[in-house]
Amino acid sequence: MEICEFEKIFKGDSGKWDGDNAMQGLKIIEKYFPPDAEIIQGAGHDVIWSVDAEELVESGITKEDAEELRRLNWMIEEGEYMACFV
């Protein structure tokens, strides 16, 4: 998948989910990085930031997993990092 296709997915609406959408999304992201990678890169009031979106694409995220992240209300923050409100 190219970064432009990935970004297009995140322009759509999120969906309905059950449980902890932030944790579910982190588990998806974690699959694409080595065990020692820092998956949570920062946190603020009601939001967590994760890996760089382009790095996630380069790591081979599938279209299905990208769509699942969007369904779980994940976003690309400032055109750079994956983020989710908690």
Protein backbone atom coordinates (compact mmCIF):
# COMPACT_ATOMS: atom_id res chain seq x y z
CA MET A 1 0.00 0.00 0.00
CA GLU A 2 1.19 3.52 -0.77
CA ILE A 3 0.99 6.35 1.78
CA CYS A 4 -1.61 8.18 -0.34
CA GLU A 5 -3.97 5.17 -0.18
CA PHE A 6 -3.35 4.88 3.57
CA GLU A 7 -4.14 8.57 4.11
CA LYS A 8 -7.32 8.27 2.04
CA ILE A 9 -8.58 5.52 4.37
CA PHE A 10 -8.23 7.91 7.32
CA LYS A 11 -10.31 10.60 5.64
CA GLY A 12 -13.36 8.36 6.05
CA ASP A 13 -15.61 8.11 9.05
CA SER A 14 -14.87 5.86 11.99
CA GLY A 15 -17.26 3.08 12.89
CA LYS A 16 -18.72 1.39 15.93
CA TRP A 17 -16.57 -0.71 18.21
CA ASP A 18 -16.76 -2.60 21.48
CA GLY A 19 -14.15 -2.39 24.20
CA ASP A 20 -10.97 -0.33 24.34
CA ASN A 21 -10.42 1.08 20.84
CA ALA A 22 -7.03 2.54 21.78
CA MET A 23 -5.67 -0.81 22.99
CA GLN A 24 -7.14 -2.67 20.02
CA GLY A 25 -5.44 -0.23 17.68
CA LEU A 26 -2.10 -0.50 19.49
CA LYS A 27 -2.25 -4.28 19.08
CA ILE A 28 -2.77 -3.86 15.33
CA ILE A 29 0.13 -1.42 15.04
CA GLU A 30 2.38 -3.62 17.20
CA LYS A 31 2.16 -6.46 14.64
CA TYR A 32 4.19 -4.42 12.16
CA PHE A 33 7.16 -3.54 14.37
CA PRO A 34 9.87 -5.47 16.23
CA PRO A 35 9.23 -6.41 19.87
CA ASP A 36 11.51 -3.67 21.20
CA ALA A 37 9.82 -0.84 19.24
CA GLU A 38 8.18 2.03 21.12
CA ILE A 39 4.56 1.80 20.02
CA ILE A 40 3.29 4.56 22.32
CA GLN A 41 5.35 7.63 21.51
CA GLY A 42 3.51 10.22 23.57
CA ALA A 43 0.37 11.10 25.47
CA GLY A 44 -1.60 14.20 26.21
CA HIS A 45 -4.96 15.07 27.62
CA ASP A 46 -7.28 12.38 26.24
CA VAL A 47 -4.99 11.36 23.34
CA ILE A 48 -2.11 8.98 22.68
CA TRP A 49 0.36 9.22 19.82
CA SER A 50 1.90 6.19 18.25
CA VAL A 51 4.25 5.51 15.35
CA ASP A 52 4.84 7.61 12.25
CA ALA A 53 2.17 6.84 9.63
CA GLU A 54 4.71 6.53 6.84
CA GLU A 55 6.79 4.05 8.87
CA LEU A 56 3.65 2.00 9.47
CA VAL A 57 2.98 1.88 5.72
CA GLU A 58 6.62 1.01 5.00
CA SER A 59 6.36 -1.78 7.59
CA GLY A 60 3.68 -3.42 5.46
CA ILE A 61 0.35 -2.66 7.11
CA THR A 62 -2.47 -4.21 5.14
CA LYS A 63 -5.43 -2.30 3.79
CA GLU A 64 -7.67 -4.38 6.06
CA ASP A 65 -5.70 -3.43 9.19
CA ALA A 66 -5.65 0.24 8.13
CA GLU A 67 -9.43 0.15 7.70
CA GLU A 68 -9.77 -1.49 11.10
CA LEU A 69 -7.68 1.26 12.71
CA ARG A 70 -9.96 3.86 11.14
CA ARG A 71 -13.05 1.99 12.30
CA LEU A 72 -11.56 2.10 15.80
CA ASN A 73 -11.35 5.92 15.54
CA TRP A 74 -7.60 6.15 14.97
CA MET A 75 -6.33 9.09 12.92
CA ILE A 76 -3.23 10.56 11.37
CA GLU A 77 -2.36 13.51 13.60
CA GLU A 78 -0.79 16.55 11.92
CA GLY A 79 -0.20 14.45 8.80
CA GLU A 80 2.47 12.47 10.59
CA TYR A 81 1.69 10.30 13.63
CA MET A 82 -0.97 7.73 14.34
CA ALA A 83 -3.15 8.95 17.20
CA CYS A 84 -6.27 7.98 19.11
CA PHE A 85 -8.46 9.71 21.64
CA VAL A 86 -8.77 7.78 24.89
